[in-house]
Amino acid sequence: MRHLVALASGLLALALVGALTADLGRRAAADGLRVTAIFPPGTSAEAMLKQVAMADGRLVRATILPFAVEVAGDAPGIAARLEANGAFAVVARLPGSMPALGGCGYFSP
């Protein structure tokens, strides 16, 4: 029984930290012109590109996740526009070493 309580406590702490981290990422993305857009798993590259274009964004590069891309916008509000066009979540830009392995995550033009 003690193990179940410890497991439940650990899972609750993990969920809380994840929720707080996602919220901080969303807040930072709201003011940013360069963000990471996370789409529902299984979204094709073509669909992501279309949704980014509909949000008046420019694709910067792919990320290590096949359903997330780094996006730049010329006007404030790119995060809200991406979410309105199908992004599951939009967070602040990931650190340079995270989005692509060795810089090898770029989409072809």
PDB file of N, CA and C in Angstrom:
ATOM      1  N   MET A   1       0.814  -1.190   0.000  1.00  0.00           N
ATOM      2  CA  MET A   1       0.000   0.000   0.000  1.00  0.00           C
ATOM      3  C   MET A   1       0.860   1.256   0.000  1.00  0.00           C
ATOM      4  N   ARG A   2       1.952   1.213   0.730  1.00  0.00           N
ATOM      5  CA  ARG A   2       2.845   2.357   0.806  1.00  0.00           C
ATOM      6  C   ARG A   2       3.437   2.682  -0.569  1.00  0.00           C
ATOM      7  N   HIS A   3       3.683   1.640  -1.367  1.00  0.00           N
ATOM      8  CA  HIS A   3       4.234   1.834  -2.705  1.00  0.00           C
ATOM      9  C   HIS A   3       3.232   2.524  -3.622  1.00  0.00           C
ATOM     10  N   LEU A   4       1.967   2.191  -3.479  1.00  0.00           N
ATOM     11  CA  LEU A   4       0.935   2.832  -4.295  1.00  0.00           C
ATOM     12  C   LEU A   4       0.806   4.315  -3.971  1.00  0.00           C
ATOM     13  N   VAL A   5       0.904   4.640  -2.680  1.00  0.00           N
ATOM     14  CA  VAL A   5       0.838   6.047  -2.266  1.00  0.00           C
ATOM     15  C   VAL A   5       2.041   6.807  -2.833  1.00  0.00           C
ATOM     16  N   ALA A   6       3.211   6.204  -2.768  1.00  0.00           N
ATOM     17  CA  ALA A   6       4.410   6.841  -3.307  1.00  0.00           C
ATOM     18  C   ALA A   6       4.306   7.014  -4.816  1.00  0.00           C
ATOM     19  N   LEU A   7       3.790   6.001  -5.493  1.00  0.00           N
ATOM     20  CA  LEU A   7       3.620   6.079  -6.938  1.00  0.00           C
ATOM     21  C   LEU A   7       2.616   7.165  -7.310  1.00  0.00           C
ATOM     22  N   ALA A   8       1.493   7.212  -6.612  1.00  0.00           N
ATOM     23  CA  ALA A   8       0.472   8.224  -6.882  1.00  0.00           C
ATOM     24  C   ALA A   8       1.022   9.620  -6.614  1.00  0.00           C
ATOM     25  N   SER A   9       1.775   9.783  -5.540  1.00  0.00           N
ATOM     26  CA  SER A   9       2.376  11.081  -5.216  1.00  0.00           C
ATOM     27  C   SER A   9       3.371  11.505  -6.293  1.00  0.00           C
ATOM     28  N   GLY A  10       4.164  10.567  -6.741  1.00  0.00           N
ATOM     29  CA  GLY A  10       5.139  10.869  -7.801  1.00  0.00           C
ATOM     30  C   GLY A  10       4.472  11.263  -9.099  1.00  0.00           C
ATOM     31  N   LEU A  11       3.418  10.540  -9.466  1.00  0.00           N
ATOM     32  CA  LEU A  11       2.691  10.872 -10.694  1.00  0.00           C
ATOM     33  C   LEU A  11       2.003  12.223 -10.595  1.00  0.00           C
ATOM     34  N   LEU A  12       1.460  12.533  -9.437  1.00  0.00           N
ATOM     35  CA  LEU A  12       0.823  13.826  -9.224  1.00  0.00           C
ATOM     36  C   LEU A  12       1.847  14.952  -9.323  1.00  0.00           C
ATOM     37  N   ALA A  13       3.005  14.757  -8.715  1.00  0.00           N
ATOM     38  CA  ALA A  13       4.067  15.769  -8.798  1.00  0.00           C
ATOM     39  C   ALA A  13       4.538  15.956 -10.235  1.00  0.00           C
ATOM     40  N   LEU A  14       4.682  14.874 -10.952  1.00  0.00           N
ATOM     41  CA  LEU A  14       5.094  14.947 -12.356  1.00  0.00           C
ATOM     42  C   LEU A  14       4.064  15.694 -13.193  1.00  0.00           C
ATOM     43  N   ALA A  15       2.791  15.414 -12.973  1.00  0.00           N
ATOM     44  CA  ALA A  15       1.719  16.101 -13.705  1.00  0.00           C
ATOM     45  C   ALA A  15       1.703  17.582 -13.373  1.00  0.00           C
ATOM     46  N   LEU A  16       1.913  17.928 -12.119  1.00  0.00           N
ATOM     47  CA  LEU A  16       1.923  19.328 -11.702  1.00  0.00           C
ATOM     48  C   LEU A  16       3.088  20.081 -12.334  1.00  0.00           C
ATOM     49  N   VAL A  17       4.270  19.495 -12.297  1.00  0.00           N
ATOM     50  CA  VAL A  17       5.438  20.126 -12.911  1.00  0.00           C
ATOM     51  C   VAL A  17       5.233  20.279 -14.413  1.00  0.00           C
ATOM     52  N   GLY A  18       4.685  19.263 -15.059  1.00  0.00           N
ATOM     53  CA  GLY A  18       4.421  19.346 -16.494  1.00  0.00           C
ATOM     54  C   GLY A  18       3.424  20.437 -16.824  1.00  0.00           C
ATOM     55  N   ALA A  19       2.365  20.548 -16.038  1.00  0.00           N
ATOM     56  CA  ALA A  19       1.360  21.587 -16.285  1.00  0.00           C
ATOM     57  C   ALA A  19       1.943  22.980 -16.083  1.00  0.00           C
ATOM     58  N   LEU A  20       2.738  23.160 -15.030  1.00  0.00           N
ATOM     59  CA  LEU A  20       3.353  24.467 -14.782  1.00  0.00           C
ATOM     60  C   LEU A  20       4.343  24.828 -15.885  1.00  0.00           C
ATOM     61  N   THR A  21       5.122  23.858 -16.334  1.00  0.00           N
ATOM     62  CA  THR A  21       6.085  24.101 -17.406  1.00  0.00           C
ATOM     63  C   THR A  21       5.367  24.473 -18.696  1.00  0.00           C
ATOM     64  N   ALA A  22       4.305  23.763 -19.027  1.00  0.00           N
ATOM     65  CA  ALA A  22       3.540  24.077 -20.237  1.00  0.00           C
ATOM     66  C   ALA A  22       2.923  25.465 -20.148  1.00  0.00           C
ATOM     67  N   ASP A  23       2.426  25.831 -18.958  1.00  0.00           N
ATOM     68  CA  ASP A  23       1.827  27.154 -18.785  1.00  0.00           C
ATOM     69  C   ASP A  23       2.876  28.247 -18.959  1.00  0.00           C
ATOM     70  N   LEU A  24       4.061  28.046 -18.391  1.00  0.00           N
ATOM     71  CA  LEU A  24       5.135  29.031 -18.567  1.00  0.00           C
ATOM     72  C   LEU A  24       5.536  29.140 -20.036  1.00  0.00           C
ATOM     73  N   GLY A  25       5.580  28.017 -20.720  1.00  0.00           N
ATOM     74  CA  GLY A  25       5.908  28.020 -22.146  1.00  0.00           C
ATOM     75  C   GLY A  25       4.873  28.766 -22.963  1.00  0.00           C
ATOM     76  N   ARG A  26       3.587  28.583 -22.620  1.00  0.00           N
ATOM     77  CA  ARG A  26       2.511  29.286 -23.334  1.00  0.00           C
ATOM     78  C   ARG A  26       2.588  30.788 -23.097  1.00  0.00           C
ATOM     79  N   ARG A  27       2.849  31.178 -21.857  1.00  0.00           N
ATOM     80  CA  ARG A  27       2.956  32.615 -21.548  1.00  0.00           C
ATOM     81  C   ARG A  27       4.113  33.257 -22.305  1.00  0.00           C
ATOM     82  N   ALA A  28       5.244  32.580 -22.345  1.00  0.00           N
ATOM     83  CA  ALA A  28       6.396  33.118 -23.073  1.00  0.00           C
ATOM     84  C   ALA A  28       6.112  33.166 -24.569  1.00  0.00           C
ATOM     85  N   ALA A  29       5.384  32.178 -25.086  1.00  0.00           N
ATOM     86  CA  ALA A  29       5.070  32.134 -26.512  1.00  0.00           C
ATOM     87  C   ALA A  29       4.099  33.238 -26.906  1.00  0.00           C
ATOM     88  N   ALA A  30       3.246  33.660 -25.979  1.00  0.00           N
ATOM     89  CA  ALA A  30       2.254  34.687 -26.294  1.00  0.00           C
ATOM     90  C   ALA A  30       2.919  35.990 -26.720  1.00  0.00           C
ATOM     91  N   ASP A  31       4.095  36.278 -26.197  1.00  0.00           N
ATOM     92  CA  ASP A  31       4.789  37.520 -26.526  1.00  0.00           C
ATOM     93  C   ASP A  31       5.872  37.333 -27.582  1.00  0.00           C
ATOM     94  N   GLY A  32       6.176  36.095 -27.925  1.00  0.00           N
ATOM     95  CA  GLY A  32       7.293  35.829 -28.814  1.00  0.00           C
ATOM     96  C   GLY A  32       6.914  35.834 -30.276  1.00  0.00           C
ATOM     97  N   LEU A  33       7.913  36.099 -31.106  1.00  0.00           N
ATOM     98  CA  LEU A  33       7.733  36.039 -32.547  1.00  0.00           C
ATOM     99  C   LEU A  33       8.311  34.757 -33.120  1.00  0.00           C
ATOM    100  N   ARG A  34       8.981  33.970 -32.277  1.00  0.00           N
ATOM    101  CA  ARG A  34       9.530  32.681 -32.701  1.00  0.00           C
ATOM    102  C   ARG A  34       9.151  31.654 -31.654  1.00  0.00           C
ATOM    103  N   VAL A  35       8.391  30.655 -32.052  1.00  0.00           N
ATOM    104  CA  VAL A  35       7.806  29.696 -31.118  1.00  0.00           C
ATOM    105  C   VAL A  35       7.942  28.276 -31.653  1.00  0.00           C
ATOM    106  N   THR A  36       7.622  27.328 -30.802  1.00  0.00           N
ATOM    107  CA  THR A  36       7.540  25.937 -31.219  1.00  0.00           C
ATOM    108  C   THR A  36       6.072  25.532 -31.195  1.00  0.00           C
ATOM    109  N   ALA A  37       5.557  25.127 -32.345  1.00  0.00           N
ATOM    110  CA  ALA A  37       4.165  24.698 -32.473  1.00  0.00           C
ATOM    111  C   ALA A  37       4.120  23.179 -32.423  1.00  0.00           C
ATOM    112  N   ILE A  38       3.282  22.659 -31.547  1.00  0.00           N
ATOM    113  CA  ILE A  38       3.129  21.214 -31.388  1.00  0.00           C
ATOM    114  C   ILE A  38       1.751  20.836 -31.924  1.00  0.00           C
ATOM    115  N   PHE A  39       1.738  19.983 -32.913  1.00  0.00           N
ATOM    116  CA  PHE A  39       0.495  19.549 -33.551  1.00  0.00           C
ATOM    117  C   PHE A  39       0.115  18.167 -33.026  1.00  0.00           C
ATOM    118  N   PRO A  40      -1.114  17.753 -33.232  1.00  0.00           N
ATOM    119  CA  PRO A  40      -1.498  16.406 -32.797  1.00  0.00           C
ATOM    120  C   PRO A  40      -0.594  15.348 -33.445  1.00  0.00           C
ATOM    121  N   PRO A  41      -0.156  14.353 -32.673  1.00  0.00           N
ATOM    122  CA  PRO A  41       0.681  13.300 -33.256  1.00  0.00           C
ATOM    123  C   PRO A  41       0.009  12.697 -34.486  1.00  0.00           C
ATOM    124  N   GLY A  42       0.812  12.452 -35.493  1.00  0.00           N
ATOM    125  CA  GLY A  42       0.291  11.903 -36.733  1.00  0.00           C
ATOM    126  C   GLY A  42       0.016  12.957 -37.794  1.00  0.00           C
ATOM    127  N   THR A  43       0.119  14.238 -37.429  1.00  0.00           N
ATOM    128  CA  THR A  43      -0.084  15.304 -38.409  1.00  0.00           C
ATOM    129  C   THR A  43       1.049  15.251 -39.423  1.00  0.00           C
ATOM    130  N   SER A  44       0.717  15.274 -40.705  1.00  0.00           N
ATOM    131  CA  SER A  44       1.747  15.190 -41.746  1.00  0.00           C
ATOM    132  C   SER A  44       2.503  16.507 -41.862  1.00  0.00           C
ATOM    133  N   ALA A  45       3.686  16.439 -42.434  1.00  0.00           N
ATOM    134  CA  ALA A  45       4.494  17.643 -42.657  1.00  0.00           C
ATOM    135  C   ALA A  45       3.748  18.631 -43.545  1.00  0.00           C
ATOM    136  N   GLU A  46       3.041  18.122 -44.541  1.00  0.00           N
ATOM    137  CA  GLU A  46       2.292  19.000 -45.440  1.00  0.00           C
ATOM    138  C   GLU A  46       1.184  19.729 -44.687  1.00  0.00           C
ATOM    139  N   ALA A  47       0.483  19.019 -43.802  1.00  0.00           N
ATOM    140  CA  ALA A  47      -0.590  19.636 -43.019  1.00  0.00           C
ATOM    141  C   ALA A  47      -0.025  20.690 -42.065  1.00  0.00           C
ATOM    142  N   MET A  48       1.117  20.384 -41.439  1.00  0.00           N
ATOM    143  CA  MET A  48       1.735  21.368 -40.546  1.00  0.00           C
ATOM    144  C   MET A  48       2.126  22.620 -41.313  1.00  0.00           C
ATOM    145  N   LEU A  49       2.730  22.435 -42.481  1.00  0.00           N
ATOM    146  CA  LEU A  49       3.151  23.570 -43.297  1.00  0.00           C
ATOM    147  C   LEU A  49       1.953  24.425 -43.694  1.00  0.00           C
ATOM    148  N   LYS A  50       0.857  23.777 -44.058  1.00  0.00           N
ATOM    149  CA  LYS A  50      -0.361  24.500 -44.445  1.00  0.00           C
ATOM    150  C   LYS A  50      -0.910  25.293 -43.258  1.00  0.00           C
ATOM    151  N   GLN A  51      -0.933  24.672 -42.074  1.00  0.00           N
ATOM    152  CA  GLN A  51      -1.459  25.347 -40.893  1.00  0.00           C
ATOM    153  C   GLN A  51      -0.569  26.510 -40.464  1.00  0.00           C
ATOM    154  N   VAL A  52       0.734  26.366 -40.613  1.00  0.00           N
ATOM    155  CA  VAL A  52       1.659  27.459 -40.307  1.00  0.00           C
ATOM    156  C   VAL A  52       1.421  28.622 -41.271  1.00  0.00           C
ATOM    157  N   ALA A  53       1.257  28.322 -42.553  1.00  0.00           N
ATOM    158  CA  ALA A  53       1.005  29.372 -43.548  1.00  0.00           C
ATOM    159  C   ALA A  53      -0.325  30.075 -43.284  1.00  0.00           C
ATOM    160  N   MET A  54      -1.348  29.323 -42.883  1.00  0.00           N
ATOM    161  CA  MET A  54      -2.651  29.925 -42.586  1.00  0.00           C
ATOM    162  C   MET A  54      -2.571  30.849 -41.372  1.00  0.00           C
ATOM    163  N   ALA A  55      -1.597  30.637 -40.496  1.00  0.00           N
ATOM    164  CA  ALA A  55      -1.409  31.471 -39.310  1.00  0.00           C
ATOM    165  C   ALA A  55      -0.462  32.637 -39.594  1.00  0.00           C
ATOM    166  N   ASP A  56      -0.117  32.847 -40.864  1.00  0.00           N
ATOM    167  CA  ASP A  56       0.836  33.891 -41.261  1.00  0.00           C
ATOM    168  C   ASP A  56       2.189  33.708 -40.592  1.00  0.00           C
ATOM    169  N   GLY A  57       2.622  32.455 -40.508  1.00  0.00           N
ATOM    170  CA  GLY A  57       3.922  32.146 -39.932  1.00  0.00           C
ATOM    171  C   GLY A  57       4.865  31.607 -41.000  1.00  0.00           C
ATOM    172  N   ARG A  58       6.138  31.577 -40.646  1.00  0.00           N
ATOM    173  CA  ARG A  58       7.163  31.006 -41.526  1.00  0.00           C
ATOM    174  C   ARG A  58       7.800  29.831 -40.802  1.00  0.00           C
ATOM    175  N   LEU A  59       7.916  28.731 -41.496  1.00  0.00           N
ATOM    176  CA  LEU A  59       8.548  27.548 -40.935  1.00  0.00           C
ATOM    177  C   LEU A  59      10.050  27.796 -40.838  1.00  0.00           C
ATOM    178  N   VAL A  60      10.596  27.619 -39.642  1.00  0.00           N
ATOM    179  CA  VAL A  60      12.037  27.794 -39.440  1.00  0.00           C
ATOM    180  C   VAL A  60      12.742  26.458 -39.606  1.00  0.00           C
ATOM    181  N   ARG A  61      12.242  25.447 -38.883  1.00  0.00           N
ATOM    182  CA  ARG A  61      12.817  24.106 -38.995  1.00  0.00           C
ATOM    183  C   ARG A  61      11.956  23.095 -38.261  1.00  0.00           C
ATOM    184  N   ALA A  62      12.210  21.860 -38.567  1.00  0.00           N
ATOM    185  CA  ALA A  62      11.554  20.767 -37.862  1.00  0.00           C
ATOM    186  C   ALA A  62      12.224  20.600 -36.510  1.00  0.00           C
ATOM    187  N   THR A  63      11.623  19.829 -35.650  1.00  0.00           N
ATOM    188  CA  THR A  63      12.220  19.542 -34.352  1.00  0.00           C
ATOM    189  C   THR A  63      12.478  18.050 -34.245  1.00  0.00           C
ATOM    190  N   ILE A  64      12.985  17.644 -33.116  1.00  0.00           N
ATOM    191  CA  ILE A  64      13.235  16.226 -32.891  1.00  0.00           C
ATOM    192  C   ILE A  64      11.919  15.450 -32.826  1.00  0.00           C
ATOM    193  N   LEU A  65      10.817  16.145 -32.531  1.00  0.00           N
ATOM    194  CA  LEU A  65       9.489  15.533 -32.536  1.00  0.00           C
ATOM    195  C   LEU A  65       8.905  15.637 -33.937  1.00  0.00           C
ATOM    196  N   PRO A  66       8.414  14.569 -34.511  1.00  0.00           N
ATOM    197  CA  PRO A  66       7.906  14.623 -35.888  1.00  0.00           C
ATOM    198  C   PRO A  66       6.627  15.436 -36.043  1.00  0.00           C
ATOM    199  N   PHE A  67       6.009  15.825 -34.951  1.00  0.00           N
ATOM    200  CA  PHE A  67       4.757  16.589 -35.027  1.00  0.00           C
ATOM    201  C   PHE A  67       4.898  17.985 -34.423  1.00  0.00           C
ATOM    202  N   ALA A  68       6.126  18.487 -34.335  1.00  0.00           N
ATOM    203  CA  ALA A  68       6.371  19.831 -33.814  1.00  0.00           C
ATOM    204  C   ALA A  68       7.361  20.546 -34.723  1.00  0.00           C
ATOM    205  N   VAL A  69       7.134  21.844 -34.913  1.00  0.00           N
ATOM    206  CA  VAL A  69       8.007  22.651 -35.761  1.00  0.00           C
ATOM    207  C   VAL A  69       8.275  23.994 -35.096  1.00  0.00           C
ATOM    208  N   GLU A  70       9.417  24.565 -35.427  1.00  0.00           N
ATOM    209  CA  GLU A  70       9.738  25.907 -34.967  1.00  0.00           C
ATOM    210  C   GLU A  70       9.218  26.882 -36.013  1.00  0.00           C
ATOM    211  N   VAL A  71       8.524  27.915 -35.545  1.00  0.00           N
ATOM    212  CA  VAL A  71       7.836  28.853 -36.430  1.00  0.00           C
ATOM    213  C   VAL A  71       8.215  30.281 -36.059  1.00  0.00           C
ATOM    214  N   ALA A  72       8.366  31.123 -37.058  1.00  0.00           N
ATOM    215  CA  ALA A  72       8.590  32.556 -36.840  1.00  0.00           C
ATOM    216  C   ALA A  72       7.399  33.312 -37.395  1.00  0.00           C
ATOM    217  N   GLY A  73       7.059  34.395 -36.740  1.00  0.00           N
ATOM    218  CA  GLY A  73       5.972  35.241 -37.203  1.00  0.00           C
ATOM    219  C   GLY A  73       6.444  36.682 -37.284  1.00  0.00           C
ATOM    220  N   ASP A  74       5.897  37.437 -38.221  1.00  0.00           N
ATOM    221  CA  ASP A  74       6.283  38.840 -38.365  1.00  0.00           C
ATOM    222  C   ASP A  74       5.478  39.753 -37.450  1.00  0.00           C
ATOM    223  N   ALA A  75       4.341  39.290 -36.978  1.00  0.00           N
ATOM    224  CA  ALA A  75       3.469  40.116 -36.146  1.00  0.00           C
ATOM    225  C   ALA A  75       3.184  39.406 -34.832  1.00  0.00           C
ATOM    226  N   PRO A  76       2.965  40.160 -33.766  1.00  0.00           N
ATOM    227  CA  PRO A  76       2.605  39.545 -32.487  1.00  0.00           C
ATOM    228  C   PRO A  76       1.341  38.707 -32.630  1.00  0.00           C
ATOM    229  N   GLY A  77       1.211  37.716 -31.773  1.00  0.00           N
ATOM    230  CA  GLY A  77       0.025  36.873 -31.793  1.00  0.00           C
ATOM    231  C   GLY A  77       0.172  35.598 -32.600  1.00  0.00           C
ATOM    232  N   ILE A  78       1.395  35.260 -33.000  1.00  0.00           N
ATOM    233  CA  ILE A  78       1.601  34.054 -33.803  1.00  0.00           C
ATOM    234  C   ILE A  78       1.152  32.816 -33.023  1.00  0.00           C
ATOM    235  N   ALA A  79       1.365  32.806 -31.711  1.00  0.00           N
ATOM    236  CA  ALA A  79       0.976  31.642 -30.907  1.00  0.00           C
ATOM    237  C   ALA A  79      -0.530  31.425 -30.964  1.00  0.00           C
ATOM    238  N   ALA A  80      -1.299  32.485 -30.787  1.00  0.00           N
ATOM    239  CA  ALA A  80      -2.762  32.366 -30.820  1.00  0.00           C
ATOM    240  C   ALA A  80      -3.246  31.966 -32.211  1.00  0.00           C
ATOM    241  N   ARG A  81      -2.614  32.507 -33.249  1.00  0.00           N
ATOM    242  CA  ARG A  81      -3.030  32.159 -34.616  1.00  0.00           C
ATOM    243  C   ARG A  81      -2.727  30.697 -34.927  1.00  0.00           C
ATOM    244  N   LEU A  82      -1.596  30.184 -34.447  1.00  0.00           N
ATOM    245  CA  LEU A  82      -1.266  28.773 -34.663  1.00  0.00           C
ATOM    246  C   LEU A  82      -2.264  27.868 -33.957  1.00  0.00           C
ATOM    247  N   GLU A  83      -2.613  28.211 -32.728  1.00  0.00           N
ATOM    248  CA  GLU A  83      -3.589  27.391 -32.004  1.00  0.00           C
ATOM    249  C   GLU A  83      -4.954  27.448 -32.682  1.00  0.00           C
ATOM    250  N   ALA A  84      -5.307  28.608 -33.217  1.00  0.00           N
ATOM    251  CA  ALA A  84      -6.588  28.736 -33.927  1.00  0.00           C
ATOM    252  C   ALA A  84      -6.591  27.935 -35.226  1.00  0.00           C
ATOM    253  N   ASN A  85      -5.411  27.641 -35.761  1.00  0.00           N
ATOM    254  CA  ASN A  85      -5.306  26.907 -37.020  1.00  0.00           C
ATOM    255  C   ASN A  85      -4.905  25.451 -36.829  1.00  0.00           C
ATOM    256  N   GLY A  86      -5.054  24.922 -35.617  1.00  0.00           N
ATOM    257  CA  GLY A  86      -4.872  23.484 -35.446  1.00  0.00           C
ATOM    258  C   GLY A  86      -3.719  23.018 -34.593  1.00  0.00           C
ATOM    259  N   ALA A  87      -2.862  23.927 -34.111  1.00  0.00           N
ATOM    260  CA  ALA A  87      -1.765  23.483 -33.245  1.00  0.00           C
ATOM    261  C   ALA A  87      -2.344  23.022 -31.912  1.00  0.00           C
ATOM    262  N   PHE A  88      -1.857  21.914 -31.427  1.00  0.00           N
ATOM    263  CA  PHE A  88      -2.294  21.354 -30.149  1.00  0.00           C
ATOM    264  C   PHE A  88      -1.847  22.271 -29.011  1.00  0.00           C
ATOM    265  N   ALA A  89      -0.609  22.762 -29.111  1.00  0.00           N
ATOM    266  CA  ALA A  89      -0.047  23.683 -28.124  1.00  0.00           C
ATOM    267  C   ALA A  89       1.058  24.482 -28.803  1.00  0.00           C
ATOM    268  N   VAL A  90       1.289  25.660 -28.283  1.00  0.00           N
ATOM    269  CA  VAL A  90       2.384  26.502 -28.766  1.00  0.00           C
ATOM    270  C   VAL A  90       3.161  26.948 -27.540  1.00  0.00           C
ATOM    271  N   VAL A  91       4.459  26.677 -27.549  1.00  0.00           N
ATOM    272  CA  VAL A  91       5.308  27.016 -26.411  1.00  0.00           C
ATOM    273  C   VAL A  91       6.471  27.864 -26.895  1.00  0.00           C
ATOM    274  N   ALA A  92       7.159  28.463 -25.925  1.00  0.00           N
ATOM    275  CA  ALA A  92       8.330  29.255 -26.265  1.00  0.00           C
ATOM    276  C   ALA A  92       9.331  28.388 -27.015  1.00  0.00           C
ATOM    277  N   ARG A  93      10.114  29.016 -27.815  1.00  0.00           N
ATOM    278  CA  ARG A  93      11.102  28.307 -28.631  1.00  0.00           C
ATOM    279  C   ARG A  93      11.972  27.408 -27.760  1.00  0.00           C
ATOM    280  N   LEU A  94      12.165  26.188 -28.207  1.00  0.00           N
ATOM    281  CA  LEU A  94      13.015  25.248 -27.489  1.00  0.00           C
ATOM    282  C   LEU A  94      14.468  25.689 -27.573  1.00  0.00           C
ATOM    283  N   PRO A  95      15.298  25.309 -26.605  1.00  0.00           N
ATOM    284  CA  PRO A  95      16.717  25.648 -26.674  1.00  0.00           C
ATOM    285  C   PRO A  95      17.348  25.130 -27.968  1.00  0.00           C
ATOM    286  N   GLY A  96      18.388  25.787 -28.418  1.00  0.00           N
ATOM    287  CA  GLY A  96      19.028  25.478 -29.688  1.00  0.00           C
ATOM    288  C   GLY A  96      19.403  24.027 -29.891  1.00  0.00           C
ATOM    289  N   SER A  97      19.788  23.322 -28.841  1.00  0.00           N
ATOM    290  CA  SER A  97      20.199  21.931 -28.999  1.00  0.00           C
ATOM    291  C   SER A  97      19.016  20.970 -29.055  1.00  0.00           C
ATOM    292  N   MET A  98      17.833  21.444 -28.671  1.00  0.00           N
ATOM    293  CA  MET A  98      16.675  20.556 -28.618  1.00  0.00           C
ATOM    294  C   MET A  98      15.940  20.399 -29.953  1.00  0.00           C
ATOM    295  N   PRO A  99      15.714  21.477 -30.731  1.00  0.00           N
ATOM    296  CA  PRO A  99      14.836  21.341 -31.892  1.00  0.00           C
ATOM    297  C   PRO A  99      15.339  20.390 -32.966  1.00  0.00           C
ATOM    298  N   ALA A 100      16.617  20.374 -33.193  1.00  0.00           N
ATOM    299  CA  ALA A 100      17.132  19.540 -34.266  1.00  0.00           C
ATOM    300  C   ALA A 100      18.439  18.920 -33.805  1.00  0.00           C
ATOM    301  N   LEU A 101      18.682  17.719 -34.207  1.00  0.00           N
ATOM    302  CA  LEU A 101      19.933  17.064 -33.851  1.00  0.00           C
ATOM    303  C   LEU A 101      21.029  17.535 -34.777  1.00  0.00           C
ATOM    304  N   GLY A 102      21.966  18.278 -34.244  1.00  0.00           N
ATOM    305  CA  GLY A 102      23.090  18.742 -35.056  1.00  0.00           C
ATOM    306  C   GLY A 102      22.677  19.662 -36.187  1.00  0.00           C
ATOM    307  N   GLY A 103      21.529  20.318 -36.060  1.00  0.00           N
ATOM    308  CA  GLY A 103      21.077  21.214 -37.110  1.00  0.00           C
ATOM    309  C   GLY A 103      20.467  20.493 -38.289  1.00  0.00           C
ATOM    310  N   CYS A 104      20.232  19.195 -38.158  1.00  0.00           N
ATOM    311  CA  CYS A 104      19.741  18.398 -39.294  1.00  0.00           C
ATOM    312  C   CYS A 104      18.232  18.200 -39.231  1.00  0.00           C
ATOM    313  N   GLY A 105      17.492  19.256 -38.940  1.00  0.00           N
ATOM    314  CA  GLY A 105      16.062  19.097 -38.856  1.00  0.00           C
ATOM    315  C   GLY A 105      15.311  20.017 -39.796  1.00  0.00           C
ATOM    316  N   TYR A 106      15.979  20.568 -40.783  1.00  0.00           N
ATOM    317  CA  TYR A 106      15.355  21.551 -41.637  1.00  0.00           C
ATOM    318  C   TYR A 106      14.469  20.908 -42.701  1.00  0.00           C
ATOM    319  N   PHE A 107      13.328  21.533 -42.964  1.00  0.00           N
ATOM    320  CA  PHE A 107      12.504  21.113 -44.088  1.00  0.00           C
ATOM    321  C   PHE A 107      13.163  21.630 -45.353  1.00  0.00           C
ATOM    322  N   SER A 108      12.977  20.934 -46.447  1.00  0.00           N
ATOM    323  CA  SER A 108      13.476  21.454 -47.708  1.00  0.00           C
ATOM    324  C   SER A 108      12.538  22.563 -48.173  1.00  0.00           C
ATOM    325  N   PRO A 109      13.053  23.547 -48.914  1.00  0.00           N
ATOM    326  CA  PRO A 109      12.209  24.672 -49.345  1.00  0.00           C
ATOM    327  C   PRO A 109      11.098  24.234 -50.282  1.00  0.00           C
TER     328      PRO A 109
END
